[in-house]
Amino acid sequence: MKLKIVLALALSMGMANVAVADGKATYDAKCAMCHGTGAAGAPKLGDAAAWGPRAAKGMDALLATAKTGTAKGMPPMGMCMDCSDDQMKAAIEYMVSNSK
């Protein structure tokens, strides 16, 4: 029984690391162009003051904004036209978690 619990924990921790890695990969490939430089007013990775109020709205609001774009310059889906919701969520989680 203990072995099953240990394996389940190890797998779940590994899956969390995969999600972070996937979020970073998506960010690097699709988001960094704007969120790494602040282009068009994009909140920059690492800017806690910019990300804090956005993160406070929750993942559903962040995903909705990413999918529909913003009036300030982010087009719908940003540069991630072929991303799934899960990929977008992972990239958003990566940006938020690295901007605290």
C-alpha atoms as a PDB file:
ATOM      1  CA  MET A   1       0.000   0.000   0.000  1.00  0.00           C
ATOM      2  CA  LYS A   2       2.781   2.450   0.909  1.00  0.00           C
ATOM      3  CA  LEU A   3       4.522   1.699  -2.380  1.00  0.00           C
ATOM      4  CA  LYS A   4       1.363   2.617  -4.312  1.00  0.00           C
ATOM      5  CA  ILE A   5       1.134   5.920  -2.453  1.00  0.00           C
ATOM      6  CA  VAL A   6       4.798   6.700  -3.074  1.00  0.00           C
ATOM      7  CA  LEU A   7       4.443   5.839  -6.769  1.00  0.00           C
ATOM      8  CA  ALA A   8       1.300   7.942  -7.084  1.00  0.00           C
ATOM      9  CA  LEU A   9       3.055  10.922  -5.477  1.00  0.00           C
ATOM     10  CA  ALA A  10       6.118  10.496  -7.651  1.00  0.00           C
ATOM     11  CA  LEU A  11       4.003  10.319 -10.790  1.00  0.00           C
ATOM     12  CA  SER A  12       1.925  13.327  -9.849  1.00  0.00           C
ATOM     13  CA  MET A  13       5.041  15.356  -9.072  1.00  0.00           C
ATOM     14  CA  GLY A  14       6.536  14.281 -12.369  1.00  0.00           C
ATOM     15  CA  MET A  15       3.403  15.326 -14.222  1.00  0.00           C
ATOM     16  CA  ALA A  16       3.550  18.751 -12.594  1.00  0.00           C
ATOM     17  CA  ASN A  17       7.120  19.111 -13.839  1.00  0.00           C
ATOM     18  CA  VAL A  18       6.017  18.081 -17.332  1.00  0.00           C
ATOM     19  CA  ALA A  19       3.305  20.762 -17.277  1.00  0.00           C
ATOM     20  CA  VAL A  20       5.871  23.386 -16.235  1.00  0.00           C
ATOM     21  CA  ALA A  21       8.250  22.196 -18.941  1.00  0.00           C
ATOM     22  CA  ASP A  22       5.475  22.295 -21.533  1.00  0.00           C
ATOM     23  CA  GLY A  23       4.485  25.761 -20.350  1.00  0.00           C
ATOM     24  CA  LYS A  24       8.060  26.954 -20.708  1.00  0.00           C
ATOM     25  CA  ALA A  25       8.354  25.379 -24.156  1.00  0.00           C
ATOM     26  CA  THR A  26       5.135  27.029 -25.294  1.00  0.00           C
ATOM     27  CA  TYR A  27       6.211  30.348 -23.768  1.00  0.00           C
ATOM     28  CA  ASP A  28       9.621  30.143 -25.449  1.00  0.00           C
ATOM     29  CA  ALA A  29       8.136  29.260 -28.844  1.00  0.00           C
ATOM     30  CA  LYS A  30       5.000  31.393 -28.893  1.00  0.00           C
ATOM     31  CA  CYS A  31       4.868  34.003 -26.108  1.00  0.00           C
ATOM     32  CA  ALA A  32       8.390  35.246 -25.433  1.00  0.00           C
ATOM     33  CA  MET A  33       8.439  37.509 -28.478  1.00  0.00           C
ATOM     34  CA  CYS A  34       6.030  39.888 -26.728  1.00  0.00           C
ATOM     35  CA  HIS A  35       6.018  38.804 -23.077  1.00  0.00           C
ATOM     36  CA  GLY A  36       9.811  38.742 -22.978  1.00  0.00           C
ATOM     37  CA  THR A  37      10.132  42.298 -24.291  1.00  0.00           C
ATOM     38  CA  GLY A  38       6.887  44.005 -23.289  1.00  0.00           C
ATOM     39  CA  ALA A  39       5.949  44.597 -26.930  1.00  0.00           C
ATOM     40  CA  ALA A  40       2.518  46.203 -27.415  1.00  0.00           C
ATOM     41  CA  GLY A  41       2.169  46.573 -23.646  1.00  0.00           C
ATOM     42  CA  ALA A  42       2.404  42.842 -22.918  1.00  0.00           C
ATOM     43  CA  PRO A  43       3.146  42.119 -19.258  1.00  0.00           C
ATOM     44  CA  LYS A  44       6.762  40.979 -19.167  1.00  0.00           C
ATOM     45  CA  LEU A  45       7.828  37.679 -17.668  1.00  0.00           C
ATOM     46  CA  GLY A  46       9.090  38.403 -14.163  1.00  0.00           C
ATOM     47  CA  ASP A  47       7.138  41.656 -13.710  1.00  0.00           C
ATOM     48  CA  ALA A  48       5.212  40.946 -10.519  1.00  0.00           C
ATOM     49  CA  ALA A  49       3.474  44.334 -10.535  1.00  0.00           C
ATOM     50  CA  ALA A  50       2.073  43.730 -14.015  1.00  0.00           C
ATOM     51  CA  TRP A  51       1.106  40.092 -13.481  1.00  0.00           C
ATOM     52  CA  GLY A  52      -0.278  40.368  -9.930  1.00  0.00           C
ATOM     53  CA  PRO A  53      -3.626  42.002 -10.792  1.00  0.00           C
ATOM     54  CA  ARG A  54      -4.035  39.768 -13.818  1.00  0.00           C
ATOM     55  CA  ALA A  55      -3.302  36.591 -11.842  1.00  0.00           C
ATOM     56  CA  ALA A  56      -5.794  37.673  -9.179  1.00  0.00           C
ATOM     57  CA  LYS A  57      -8.571  37.351 -11.770  1.00  0.00           C
ATOM     58  CA  GLY A  58      -7.899  33.606 -12.040  1.00  0.00           C
ATOM     59  CA  MET A  59      -6.977  31.192 -14.788  1.00  0.00           C
ATOM     60  CA  ASP A  60     -10.369  31.277 -16.528  1.00  0.00           C
ATOM     61  CA  ALA A  61     -10.126  35.052 -17.002  1.00  0.00           C
ATOM     62  CA  LEU A  62      -6.486  34.874 -18.113  1.00  0.00           C
ATOM     63  CA  LEU A  63      -7.270  32.149 -20.636  1.00  0.00           C
ATOM     64  CA  ALA A  64     -10.291  34.045 -21.953  1.00  0.00           C
ATOM     65  CA  THR A  65      -8.172  37.175 -22.445  1.00  0.00           C
ATOM     66  CA  ALA A  66      -5.447  35.182 -24.188  1.00  0.00           C
ATOM     67  CA  LYS A  67      -8.009  33.578 -26.491  1.00  0.00           C
ATOM     68  CA  THR A  68      -9.855  36.788 -27.399  1.00  0.00           C
ATOM     69  CA  GLY A  69      -6.891  39.170 -27.344  1.00  0.00           C
ATOM     70  CA  THR A  70      -6.769  42.688 -25.957  1.00  0.00           C
ATOM     71  CA  ALA A  71      -7.533  46.142 -27.278  1.00  0.00           C
ATOM     72  CA  LYS A  72      -3.955  47.151 -26.400  1.00  0.00           C
ATOM     73  CA  GLY A  73      -2.442  44.968 -29.103  1.00  0.00           C
ATOM     74  CA  MET A  74      -2.546  41.255 -28.317  1.00  0.00           C
ATOM     75  CA  PRO A  75      -4.325  39.503 -31.180  1.00  0.00           C
ATOM     76  CA  PRO A  76      -6.679  36.617 -30.405  1.00  0.00           C
ATOM     77  CA  MET A  77      -4.549  33.620 -29.371  1.00  0.00           C
ATOM     78  CA  GLY A  78      -1.461  35.835 -29.376  1.00  0.00           C
ATOM     79  CA  MET A  79       1.177  34.074 -31.429  1.00  0.00           C
ATOM     80  CA  CYS A  80      -0.232  30.704 -30.394  1.00  0.00           C
ATOM     81  CA  MET A  81      -2.821  30.146 -33.126  1.00  0.00           C
ATOM     82  CA  ASP A  82      -2.379  26.368 -33.043  1.00  0.00           C
ATOM     83  CA  CYS A  83      -2.259  26.001 -29.246  1.00  0.00           C
ATOM     84  CA  SER A  84      -4.792  23.980 -27.311  1.00  0.00           C
ATOM     85  CA  ASP A  85      -6.395  25.393 -24.180  1.00  0.00           C
ATOM     86  CA  ASP A  86      -4.095  23.142 -22.134  1.00  0.00           C
ATOM     87  CA  GLN A  87      -0.998  24.518 -23.858  1.00  0.00           C
ATOM     88  CA  MET A  88      -2.173  28.072 -23.338  1.00  0.00           C
ATOM     89  CA  LYS A  89      -2.961  27.392 -19.682  1.00  0.00           C
ATOM     90  CA  ALA A  90       0.488  25.866 -19.182  1.00  0.00           C
ATOM     91  CA  ALA A  91       2.158  28.901 -20.766  1.00  0.00           C
ATOM     92  CA  ILE A  92       0.058  31.270 -18.649  1.00  0.00           C
ATOM     93  CA  GLU A  93       0.869  29.296 -15.498  1.00  0.00           C
ATOM     94  CA  TYR A  94       4.548  29.443 -16.424  1.00  0.00           C
ATOM     95  CA  MET A  95       4.409  33.226 -16.859  1.00  0.00           C
ATOM     96  CA  VAL A  96       2.437  33.826 -13.674  1.00  0.00           C
ATOM     97  CA  SER A  97       4.559  31.492 -11.543  1.00  0.00           C
ATOM     98  CA  ASN A  98       7.727  33.187 -12.801  1.00  0.00           C
ATOM     99  CA  SER A  99       6.370  36.662 -12.127  1.00  0.00           C
ATOM    100  CA  LYS A 100       5.796  36.650  -8.372  1.00  0.00           C
END
